[in-house]
Protein backbone atom coordinates (compact mmCIF):
# COMPACT_ATOMS: atom_id res chain seq x y z
CA SER A 1 -47.94 15.30 9.13
CA VAL A 2 -45.53 15.35 12.19
CA MET A 3 -45.39 11.60 12.26
CA GLN A 4 -44.57 11.70 8.30
CA GLN A 5 -41.87 14.38 8.72
CA ARG A 6 -40.56 12.07 11.61
CA GLU A 7 -40.47 8.96 9.51
CA GLN A 8 -38.89 10.74 6.61
CA ARG A 9 -35.97 12.14 9.09
CA ILE A 10 -35.49 8.69 10.22
CA ALA A 11 -35.51 7.10 6.71
CA ASP A 12 -33.04 10.05 5.80
CA GLY A 13 -30.83 9.21 8.62
CA LEU A 14 -30.73 5.36 7.63
CA ALA A 15 -29.99 6.17 4.12
CA THR A 16 -27.08 8.47 5.27
CA ALA A 17 -25.82 5.87 7.59
CA ASP A 18 -25.72 3.29 4.73
CA ARG A 19 -24.00 5.56 2.35
CA ALA A 20 -21.24 6.24 5.05
CA ASP A 21 -20.92 2.66 5.54
CA LYS A 22 -20.42 1.92 1.79
CA ASP A 23 -18.05 5.03 1.60
CA LEU A 24 -15.99 3.46 4.54
CA GLU A 25 -15.78 0.12 2.98
CA LEU A 26 -14.73 1.61 -0.24
CA ALA A 27 -11.96 3.83 1.60
CA GLN A 28 -10.72 0.72 3.31
CA LYS A 29 -10.60 -1.28 0.27
CA LYS A 30 -8.63 1.76 -1.45
CA ALA A 31 -6.19 1.87 1.46
CA ASN A 32 -5.58 -1.85 1.27
CA ASP A 33 -5.05 -1.79 -2.32
CA TRP A 34 -2.63 1.17 -1.81
CA LEU A 35 -0.87 -0.77 1.06
CA ALA A 36 -0.42 -3.78 -1.05
CA GLU A 37 0.98 -1.70 -3.93
CA ALA A 38 3.62 0.07 -1.66
CA LYS A 39 4.67 -3.30 -0.19
CA GLN A 40 5.23 -4.67 -3.68
CA GLN A 41 7.16 -1.69 -4.59
CA ALA A 42 9.26 -1.86 -1.37
CA SER A 43 9.97 -5.48 -1.89
CA SER A 44 11.11 -4.73 -5.48
CA ILE A 45 13.45 -1.82 -4.16
CA VAL A 46 15.00 -4.04 -1.62
CA GLU A 47 15.41 -6.73 -4.20
CA GLN A 48 17.22 -4.33 -6.38
CA ALA A 49 19.46 -3.04 -3.50
CA ASN A 50 20.49 -6.63 -2.79
CA LYS A 51 21.43 -7.37 -6.45
CA ARG A 52 23.43 -4.10 -6.41
CA ALA A 53 25.09 -4.98 -2.94
CA ASN A 54 26.03 -8.42 -4.37
CA GLN A 55 27.59 -6.86 -7.55
CA ILE A 56 29.43 -4.42 -5.29
CA VAL A 57 30.87 -7.30 -3.35
CA GLU A 58 31.83 -9.25 -6.46
CA GLU A 59 33.42 -6.14 -7.88
CA ALA A 60 35.53 -5.76 -4.77
CA LYS A 61 36.41 -9.44 -4.79
CA ASP A 62 37.67 -9.12 -8.39
CA GLN A 63 39.64 -6.03 -7.71
CA ALA A 64 41.20 -7.88 -4.71
CA ARG A 65 42.14 -10.82 -7.07
CA ILE A 66 43.80 -8.56 -9.53
CA LYS A 67 45.71 -6.74 -6.75
CA ILE A 68 46.88 -10.19 -5.61
CA THR A 69 48.11 -11.32 -8.89
CA GLU A 70 49.96 -8.30 -9.73
């Protein structure tokens, strides 16, 4: 009886450890997925900012050309 209880506690402990390992693996995968998504979004924002910066530069050049020809 004492031996069976001990075996059961050990088995329960091993099962709990196994579940914890699986939960950790899932959490790491989710974190990696979120990080990849955040990097993609950041890249998109930077690309949009660069496009807008180029537009502003071109607009400024156009304005300068207009001023020069006036």
